[in-house]
Amino acid sequence: MKKDIHPQYRDVIFKDMSCDFMFKGRSTAFSKETIEWEDGNTYPVIKLDISSRSHPFFTGKQKFVDTAGRVDKFFARYGKRENKS
C-alpha cells in the first residue's frame, strides 16, 4: 500500500438528528465537530438524517402520502389537459 494517499480510518460517533440517537462506528468521513463518548474519549461526530432508529422500515411507523390530494392540487393549479388526437 502506498503511504499518505488513503484517508484516515478512525472511530466516530454517528448521531441521528431526527431522534437524538447515537452510536459508535468507524469511518473515513471528516467532521470538525467532536463529542465525548461514554468511555470518556472524544470522537468526531457525523450527523445523520435517518438511521435504523428512525427509518420507517425498522420502526414500523409508515407515513402515508396523500397522492390524490397532490394530483387535485396540480389540476387546480394548471388545469386539466384535453387530448388533441
PDB file of N, CA and C in Angstrom:
ATOM      1  N   MET A   1       0.835  -1.186   0.000  1.00  0.00           N
ATOM      2  CA  MET A   1       0.000   0.000   0.000  1.00  0.00           C
ATOM      3  C   MET A   1       0.880   1.250   0.000  1.00  0.00           C
ATOM      4  N   LYS A   2       0.531   2.242  -0.806  1.00  0.00           N
ATOM      5  CA  LYS A   2       1.274   3.493  -0.837  1.00  0.00           C
ATOM      6  C   LYS A   2       0.965   4.311   0.410  1.00  0.00           C
ATOM      7  N   LYS A   3       1.967   4.995   0.906  1.00  0.00           N
ATOM      8  CA  LYS A   3       1.782   5.822   2.103  1.00  0.00           C
ATOM      9  C   LYS A   3       1.169   7.164   1.739  1.00  0.00           C
ATOM     10  N   ASP A   4       0.410   7.724   2.677  1.00  0.00           N
ATOM     11  CA  ASP A   4      -0.144   9.080   2.609  1.00  0.00           C
ATOM     12  C   ASP A   4      -1.127   9.318   1.459  1.00  0.00           C
ATOM     13  N   ILE A   5      -1.763   8.288   0.920  1.00  0.00           N
ATOM     14  CA  ILE A   5      -2.781   8.511  -0.117  1.00  0.00           C
ATOM     15  C   ILE A   5      -4.166   8.069   0.337  1.00  0.00           C
ATOM     16  N   HIS A   6      -4.244   7.354   1.432  1.00  0.00           N
ATOM     17  CA  HIS A   6      -5.524   6.842   1.915  1.00  0.00           C
ATOM     18  C   HIS A   6      -6.058   7.714   3.044  1.00  0.00           C
ATOM     19  N   PRO A   7      -7.391   7.900   3.101  1.00  0.00           N
ATOM     20  CA  PRO A   7      -7.959   8.683   4.204  1.00  0.00           C
ATOM     21  C   PRO A   7      -7.810   7.932   5.527  1.00  0.00           C
ATOM     22  N   GLN A   8      -7.821   8.694   6.607  1.00  0.00           N
ATOM     23  CA  GLN A   8      -7.677   8.108   7.942  1.00  0.00           C
ATOM     24  C   GLN A   8      -8.972   7.380   8.327  1.00  0.00           C
ATOM     25  N   TYR A   9      -8.855   6.114   8.670  1.00  0.00           N
ATOM     26  CA  TYR A   9      -9.990   5.292   9.094  1.00  0.00           C
ATOM     27  C   TYR A   9      -9.985   5.280  10.616  1.00  0.00           C
ATOM     28  N   ARG A  10     -11.001   5.876  11.231  1.00  0.00           N
ATOM     29  CA  ARG A  10     -10.976   6.058  12.688  1.00  0.00           C
ATOM     30  C   ARG A  10     -12.356   5.847  13.296  1.00  0.00           C
ATOM     31  N   ASP A  11     -12.386   5.773  14.622  1.00  0.00           N
ATOM     32  CA  ASP A  11     -13.650   5.669  15.353  1.00  0.00           C
ATOM     33  C   ASP A  11     -14.364   7.013  15.290  1.00  0.00           C
ATOM     34  N   VAL A  12     -15.665   6.979  15.033  1.00  0.00           N
ATOM     35  CA  VAL A  12     -16.500   8.178  15.008  1.00  0.00           C
ATOM     36  C   VAL A  12     -17.827   7.863  15.687  1.00  0.00           C
ATOM     37  N   ILE A  13     -18.538   8.918  16.048  1.00  0.00           N
ATOM     38  CA  ILE A  13     -19.883   8.794  16.612  1.00  0.00           C
ATOM     39  C   ILE A  13     -20.866   9.253  15.545  1.00  0.00           C
ATOM     40  N   PHE A  14     -21.830   8.399  15.219  1.00  0.00           N
ATOM     41  CA  PHE A  14     -22.894   8.749  14.287  1.00  0.00           C
ATOM     42  C   PHE A  14     -24.097   9.201  15.107  1.00  0.00           C
ATOM     43  N   LYS A  15     -24.649  10.382  14.764  1.00  0.00           N
ATOM     44  CA  LYS A  15     -25.774  10.939  15.515  1.00  0.00           C
ATOM     45  C   LYS A  15     -26.949  11.166  14.581  1.00  0.00           C
ATOM     46  N   ASP A  16     -28.066  10.473  14.863  1.00  0.00           N
ATOM     47  CA  ASP A  16     -29.308  10.647  14.113  1.00  0.00           C
ATOM     48  C   ASP A  16     -29.989  11.901  14.656  1.00  0.00           C
ATOM     49  N   MET A  17     -30.075  12.938  13.829  1.00  0.00           N
ATOM     50  CA  MET A  17     -30.601  14.221  14.279  1.00  0.00           C
ATOM     51  C   MET A  17     -32.117  14.209  14.478  1.00  0.00           C
ATOM     52  N   SER A  18     -32.822  13.270  13.855  1.00  0.00           N
ATOM     53  CA  SER A  18     -34.275  13.247  13.979  1.00  0.00           C
ATOM     54  C   SER A  18     -34.751  12.669  15.306  1.00  0.00           C
ATOM     55  N   CYS A  19     -33.944  11.816  15.942  1.00  0.00           N
ATOM     56  CA  CYS A  19     -34.404  11.230  17.208  1.00  0.00           C
ATOM     57  C   CYS A  19     -33.321  11.246  18.287  1.00  0.00           C
ATOM     58  N   ASP A  20     -32.218  11.953  18.043  1.00  0.00           N
ATOM     59  CA  ASP A  20     -31.140  12.111  19.023  1.00  0.00           C
ATOM     60  C   ASP A  20     -30.524  10.776  19.446  1.00  0.00           C
ATOM     61  N   PHE A  21     -30.445   9.825  18.536  1.00  0.00           N
ATOM     62  CA  PHE A  21     -29.853   8.511  18.771  1.00  0.00           C
ATOM     63  C   PHE A  21     -28.403   8.537  18.293  1.00  0.00           C
ATOM     64  N   MET A  22     -27.483   8.004  19.100  1.00  0.00           N
ATOM     65  CA  MET A  22     -26.068   7.994  18.732  1.00  0.00           C
ATOM     66  C   MET A  22     -25.492   6.597  18.866  1.00  0.00           C
ATOM     67  N   PHE A  23     -24.540   6.270  17.981  1.00  0.00           N
ATOM     68  CA  PHE A  23     -23.823   5.013  18.099  1.00  0.00           C
ATOM     69  C   PHE A  23     -22.401   5.201  17.582  1.00  0.00           C
ATOM     70  N   LYS A  24     -21.520   4.348  18.067  1.00  0.00           N
ATOM     71  CA  LYS A  24     -20.104   4.433  17.711  1.00  0.00           C
ATOM     72  C   LYS A  24     -19.816   3.471  16.571  1.00  0.00           C
ATOM     73  N   GLY A  25     -19.042   3.939  15.611  1.00  0.00           N
ATOM     74  CA  GLY A  25     -18.648   3.116  14.476  1.00  0.00           C
ATOM     75  C   GLY A  25     -17.308   3.592  13.957  1.00  0.00           C
ATOM     76  N   ARG A  26     -16.948   3.132  12.773  1.00  0.00           N
ATOM     77  CA  ARG A  26     -15.689   3.545  12.153  1.00  0.00           C
ATOM     78  C   ARG A  26     -15.981   4.104  10.776  1.00  0.00           C
ATOM     79  N   SER A  27     -15.235   5.151  10.396  1.00  0.00           N
ATOM     80  CA  SER A  27     -15.471   5.791   9.125  1.00  0.00           C
ATOM     81  C   SER A  27     -14.258   6.606   8.696  1.00  0.00           C
ATOM     82  N   THR A  28     -14.236   6.947   7.400  1.00  0.00           N
ATOM     83  CA  THR A  28     -13.220   7.853   6.876  1.00  0.00           C
ATOM     84  C   THR A  28     -13.792   9.254   6.693  1.00  0.00           C
ATOM     85  N   ALA A  29     -15.070   9.452   7.008  1.00  0.00           N
ATOM     86  CA  ALA A  29     -15.722  10.750   6.840  1.00  0.00           C
ATOM     87  C   ALA A  29     -15.091  11.785   7.767  1.00  0.00           C
ATOM     88  N   PHE A  30     -14.974  13.028   7.264  1.00  0.00           N
ATOM     89  CA  PHE A  30     -14.365  14.108   8.034  1.00  0.00           C
ATOM     90  C   PHE A  30     -15.432  14.909   8.756  1.00  0.00           C
ATOM     91  N   SER A  31     -15.122  15.339   9.976  1.00  0.00           N
ATOM     92  CA  SER A  31     -16.019  16.185  10.741  1.00  0.00           C
ATOM     93  C   SER A  31     -15.203  17.077  11.668  1.00  0.00           C
ATOM     94  N   LYS A  32     -15.600  18.343  11.754  1.00  0.00           N
ATOM     95  CA  LYS A  32     -14.928  19.280  12.671  1.00  0.00           C
ATOM     96  C   LYS A  32     -15.494  19.177  14.081  1.00  0.00           C
ATOM     97  N   GLU A  33     -16.734  18.707  14.190  1.00  0.00           N
ATOM     98  CA  GLU A  33     -17.392  18.614  15.490  1.00  0.00           C
ATOM     99  C   GLU A  33     -16.944  17.360  16.233  1.00  0.00           C
ATOM    100  N   THR A  34     -16.850  17.466  17.555  1.00  0.00           N
ATOM    101  CA  THR A  34     -16.476  16.325  18.391  1.00  0.00           C
ATOM    102  C   THR A  34     -17.449  16.210  19.554  1.00  0.00           C
ATOM    103  N   ILE A  35     -17.452  15.034  20.170  1.00  0.00           N
ATOM    104  CA  ILE A  35     -18.301  14.781  21.332  1.00  0.00           C
ATOM    105  C   ILE A  35     -17.586  13.803  22.253  1.00  0.00           C
ATOM    106  N   GLU A  36     -17.837  13.942  23.540  1.00  0.00           N
ATOM    107  CA  GLU A  36     -17.270  12.993  24.497  1.00  0.00           C
ATOM    108  C   GLU A  36     -18.222  11.815  24.615  1.00  0.00           C
ATOM    109  N   TRP A  37     -17.706  10.610  24.414  1.00  0.00           N
ATOM    110  CA  TRP A  37     -18.498   9.391  24.417  1.00  0.00           C
ATOM    111  C   TRP A  37     -18.530   8.778  25.807  1.00  0.00           C
ATOM    112  N   GLU A  38     -19.303   7.717  25.994  1.00  0.00           N
ATOM    113  CA  GLU A  38     -19.492   7.048  27.281  1.00  0.00           C
ATOM    114  C   GLU A  38     -18.191   6.557  27.894  1.00  0.00           C
ATOM    115  N   ASP A  39     -17.206   6.222  27.056  1.00  0.00           N
ATOM    116  CA  ASP A  39     -15.940   5.698  27.564  1.00  0.00           C
ATOM    117  C   ASP A  39     -14.969   6.796  28.004  1.00  0.00           C
ATOM    118  N   GLY A  40     -15.386   8.080  27.898  1.00  0.00           N
ATOM    119  CA  GLY A  40     -14.557   9.198  28.323  1.00  0.00           C
ATOM    120  C   GLY A  40     -13.665   9.759  27.231  1.00  0.00           C
ATOM    121  N   ASN A  41     -13.612   9.132  26.076  1.00  0.00           N
ATOM    122  CA  ASN A  41     -12.802   9.616  24.958  1.00  0.00           C
ATOM    123  C   ASN A  41     -13.612  10.572  24.084  1.00  0.00           C
ATOM    124  N   THR A  42     -12.916  11.437  23.365  1.00  0.00           N
ATOM    125  CA  THR A  42     -13.538  12.389  22.460  1.00  0.00           C
ATOM    126  C   THR A  42     -13.427  11.878  21.028  1.00  0.00           C
ATOM    127  N   TYR A  43     -14.559  11.880  20.305  1.00  0.00           N
ATOM    128  CA  TYR A  43     -14.609  11.366  18.942  1.00  0.00           C
ATOM    129  C   TYR A  43     -15.257  12.394  18.022  1.00  0.00           C
ATOM    130  N   PRO A  44     -14.941  12.365  16.728  1.00  0.00           N
ATOM    131  CA  PRO A  44     -15.657  13.215  15.762  1.00  0.00           C
ATOM    132  C   PRO A  44     -17.110  12.753  15.639  1.00  0.00           C
ATOM    133  N   VAL A  45     -18.015  13.687  15.336  1.00  0.00           N
ATOM    134  CA  VAL A  45     -19.442  13.387  15.202  1.00  0.00           C
ATOM    135  C   VAL A  45     -19.852  13.528  13.739  1.00  0.00           C
ATOM    136  N   ILE A  46     -20.498  12.486  13.201  1.00  0.00           N
ATOM    137  CA  ILE A  46     -21.070  12.514  11.858  1.00  0.00           C
ATOM    138  C   ILE A  46     -22.589  12.553  12.027  1.00  0.00           C
ATOM    139  N   LYS A  47     -23.219  13.630  11.523  1.00  0.00           N
ATOM    140  CA  LYS A  47     -24.660  13.800  11.678  1.00  0.00           C
ATOM    141  C   LYS A  47     -25.393  13.072  10.558  1.00  0.00           C
ATOM    142  N   LEU A  48     -26.445  12.340  10.946  1.00  0.00           N
ATOM    143  CA  LEU A  48     -27.263  11.573  10.005  1.00  0.00           C
ATOM    144  C   LEU A  48     -28.683  12.130   9.984  1.00  0.00           C
ATOM    145  N   ASP A  49     -29.325  12.064   8.834  1.00  0.00           N
ATOM    146  CA  ASP A  49     -30.734  12.440   8.740  1.00  0.00           C
ATOM    147  C   ASP A  49     -31.641  11.305   9.183  1.00  0.00           C
ATOM    148  N   ILE A  50     -31.181  10.078   8.965  1.00  0.00           N
ATOM    149  CA  ILE A  50     -32.007   8.913   9.266  1.00  0.00           C
ATOM    150  C   ILE A  50     -31.108   7.735   9.625  1.00  0.00           C
ATOM    151  N   SER A  51     -31.574   6.916  10.542  1.00  0.00           N
ATOM    152  CA  SER A  51     -30.843   5.708  10.944  1.00  0.00           C
ATOM    153  C   SER A  51     -31.861   4.597  11.181  1.00  0.00           C
ATOM    154  N   SER A  52     -31.387   3.466  11.650  1.00  0.00           N
ATOM    155  CA  SER A  52     -32.307   2.356  11.919  1.00  0.00           C
ATOM    156  C   SER A  52     -33.288   2.700  13.035  1.00  0.00           C
ATOM    157  N   ARG A  53     -32.954   3.652  13.890  1.00  0.00           N
ATOM    158  CA  ARG A  53     -33.846   4.046  14.987  1.00  0.00           C
ATOM    159  C   ARG A  53     -35.011   4.896  14.488  1.00  0.00           C
ATOM    160  N   SER A  54     -34.836   5.592  13.356  1.00  0.00           N
ATOM    161  CA  SER A  54     -35.894   6.483  12.882  1.00  0.00           C
ATOM    162  C   SER A  54     -36.463   6.097  11.514  1.00  0.00           C
ATOM    163  N   HIS A  55     -35.889   5.116  10.831  1.00  0.00           N
ATOM    164  CA  HIS A  55     -36.373   4.734   9.496  1.00  0.00           C
ATOM    165  C   HIS A  55     -37.687   3.961   9.616  1.00  0.00           C
ATOM    166  N   PRO A  56     -38.685   4.291   8.782  1.00  0.00           N
ATOM    167  CA  PRO A  56     -39.996   3.625   8.876  1.00  0.00           C
ATOM    168  C   PRO A  56     -39.944   2.119   8.687  1.00  0.00           C
ATOM    169  N   PHE A  57     -39.016   1.619   7.897  1.00  0.00           N
ATOM    170  CA  PHE A  57     -38.923   0.172   7.691  1.00  0.00           C
ATOM    171  C   PHE A  57     -38.593  -0.542   8.998  1.00  0.00           C
ATOM    172  N   PHE A  58     -37.704   0.026   9.792  1.00  0.00           N
ATOM    173  CA  PHE A  58     -37.285  -0.613  11.047  1.00  0.00           C
ATOM    174  C   PHE A  58     -38.215  -0.287  12.209  1.00  0.00           C
ATOM    175  N   THR A  59     -38.856   0.883  12.183  1.00  0.00           N
ATOM    176  CA  THR A  59     -39.722   1.271  13.299  1.00  0.00           C
ATOM    177  C   THR A  59     -41.137   0.768  13.140  1.00  0.00           C
ATOM    178  N   GLY A  60     -41.558   0.475  11.889  1.00  0.00           N
ATOM    179  CA  GLY A  60     -42.921   0.013  11.648  1.00  0.00           C
ATOM    180  C   GLY A  60     -43.924   1.138  11.575  1.00  0.00           C
ATOM    181  N   LYS A  61     -43.476   2.373  11.631  1.00  0.00           N
ATOM    182  CA  LYS A  61     -44.360   3.534  11.571  1.00  0.00           C
ATOM    183  C   LYS A  61     -44.260   4.137  10.175  1.00  0.00           C
ATOM    184  N   GLN A  62     -45.170   3.753   9.304  1.00  0.00           N
ATOM    185  CA  GLN A  62     -45.180   4.241   7.943  1.00  0.00           C
ATOM    186  C   GLN A  62     -45.887   5.590   7.875  1.00  0.00           C
ATOM    187  N   LYS A  63     -45.407   6.452   7.003  1.00  0.00           N
ATOM    188  CA  LYS A  63     -46.079   7.717   6.729  1.00  0.00           C
ATOM    189  C   LYS A  63     -46.743   7.584   5.365  1.00  0.00           C
ATOM    190  N   PHE A  64     -48.062   7.688   5.344  1.00  0.00           N
ATOM    191  CA  PHE A  64     -48.797   7.567   4.098  1.00  0.00           C
ATOM    192  C   PHE A  64     -48.934   8.939   3.453  1.00  0.00           C
ATOM    193  N   VAL A  65     -48.642   8.997   2.179  1.00  0.00           N
ATOM    194  CA  VAL A  65     -48.699  10.252   1.438  1.00  0.00           C
ATOM    195  C   VAL A  65     -50.026  10.318   0.700  1.00  0.00           C
ATOM    196  N   ASP A  66     -50.670  11.452   0.774  1.00  0.00           N
ATOM    197  CA  ASP A  66     -51.948  11.669   0.109  1.00  0.00           C
ATOM    198  C   ASP A  66     -51.677  12.067  -1.338  1.00  0.00           C
ATOM    199  N   THR A  67     -51.524  11.075  -2.214  1.00  0.00           N
ATOM    200  CA  THR A  67     -51.204  11.367  -3.616  1.00  0.00           C
ATOM    201  C   THR A  67     -52.411  11.918  -4.355  1.00  0.00           C
ATOM    202  N   ALA A  68     -53.609  11.497  -3.983  1.00  0.00           N
ATOM    203  CA  ALA A  68     -54.804  12.005  -4.655  1.00  0.00           C
ATOM    204  C   ALA A  68     -54.938  13.501  -4.414  1.00  0.00           C
ATOM    205  N   GLY A  69     -54.646  13.939  -3.222  1.00  0.00           N
ATOM    206  CA  GLY A  69     -54.689  15.369  -2.918  1.00  0.00           C
ATOM    207  C   GLY A  69     -53.676  16.153  -3.720  1.00  0.00           C
ATOM    208  N   ARG A  70     -52.509  15.589  -3.952  1.00  0.00           N
ATOM    209  CA  ARG A  70     -51.479  16.255  -4.740  1.00  0.00           C
ATOM    210  C   ARG A  70     -51.897  16.368  -6.203  1.00  0.00           C
ATOM    211  N   VAL A  71     -52.516  15.325  -6.723  1.00  0.00           N
ATOM    212  CA  VAL A  71     -52.987  15.356  -8.112  1.00  0.00           C
ATOM    213  C   VAL A  71     -54.060  16.422  -8.270  1.00  0.00           C
ATOM    214  N   ASP A  72     -54.997  16.498  -7.336  1.00  0.00           N
ATOM    215  CA  ASP A  72     -56.050  17.515  -7.388  1.00  0.00           C
ATOM    216  C   ASP A  72     -55.462  18.923  -7.330  1.00  0.00           C
ATOM    217  N   LYS A  73     -54.459  19.125  -6.508  1.00  0.00           N
ATOM    218  CA  LYS A  73     -53.808  20.436  -6.430  1.00  0.00           C
ATOM    219  C   LYS A  73     -53.140  20.786  -7.750  1.00  0.00           C
ATOM    220  N   PHE A  74     -52.513  19.784  -8.385  1.00  0.00           N
ATOM    221  CA  PHE A  74     -51.867  20.013  -9.673  1.00  0.00           C
ATOM    222  C   PHE A  74     -52.890  20.443 -10.724  1.00  0.00           C
ATOM    223  N   PHE A  75     -54.029  19.711 -10.808  1.00  0.00           N
ATOM    224  CA  PHE A  75     -55.056  20.047 -11.790  1.00  0.00           C
ATOM    225  C   PHE A  75     -55.691  21.409 -11.480  1.00  0.00           C
ATOM    226  N   ALA A  76     -55.835  21.739 -10.221  1.00  0.00           N
ATOM    227  CA  ALA A  76     -56.404  23.037  -9.861  1.00  0.00           C
ATOM    228  C   ALA A  76     -55.461  24.165 -10.267  1.00  0.00           C
ATOM    229  N   ARG A  77     -54.186  23.941 -10.158  1.00  0.00           N
ATOM    230  CA  ARG A  77     -53.213  24.975 -10.492  1.00  0.00           C
ATOM    231  C   ARG A  77     -53.010  25.112 -11.999  1.00  0.00           C
ATOM    232  N   TYR A  78     -52.861  24.000 -12.689  1.00  0.00           N
ATOM    233  CA  TYR A  78     -52.505  24.043 -14.106  1.00  0.00           C
ATOM    234  C   TYR A  78     -53.647  23.647 -15.049  1.00  0.00           C
ATOM    235  N   GLY A  79     -54.740  23.208 -14.518  1.00  0.00           N
ATOM    236  CA  GLY A  79     -55.859  22.815 -15.353  1.00  0.00           C
ATOM    237  C   GLY A  79     -55.645  21.434 -15.967  1.00  0.00           C
ATOM    238  N   LYS A  80     -56.745  20.842 -16.393  1.00  0.00           N
ATOM    239  CA  LYS A  80     -56.683  19.513 -16.975  1.00  0.00           C
ATOM    240  C   LYS A  80     -56.505  19.621 -18.462  1.00  0.00           C
ATOM    241  N   ARG A  81     -55.532  18.943 -19.040  1.00  0.00           N
ATOM    242  CA  ARG A  81     -55.288  18.965 -20.474  1.00  0.00           C
ATOM    243  C   ARG A  81     -56.254  18.034 -21.183  1.00  0.00           C
ATOM    244  N   GLU A  82     -56.668  18.444 -22.363  1.00  0.00           N
ATOM    245  CA  GLU A  82     -57.528  17.595 -23.158  1.00  0.00           C
ATOM    246  C   GLU A  82     -56.698  16.947 -24.249  1.00  0.00           C
ATOM    247  N   ASN A  83     -57.078  15.723 -24.633  1.00  0.00           N
ATOM    248  CA  ASN A  83     -56.375  15.012 -25.708  1.00  0.00           C
ATOM    249  C   ASN A  83     -56.676  15.684 -27.035  1.00  0.00           C
ATOM    250  N   LYS A  84     -55.630  15.970 -27.805  1.00  0.00           N
ATOM    251  CA  LYS A  84     -55.804  16.554 -29.131  1.00  0.00           C
ATOM    252  C   LYS A  84     -55.338  15.544 -30.170  1.00  0.00           C
ATOM    253  N   SER A  85     -56.059  14.450 -30.266  1.00  0.00           N
ATOM    254  CA  SER A  85     -55.684  13.395 -31.201  1.00  0.00           C
ATOM    255  C   SER A  85     -56.465  13.458 -32.473  1.00  0.00           C
TER     256      SER A  85
END
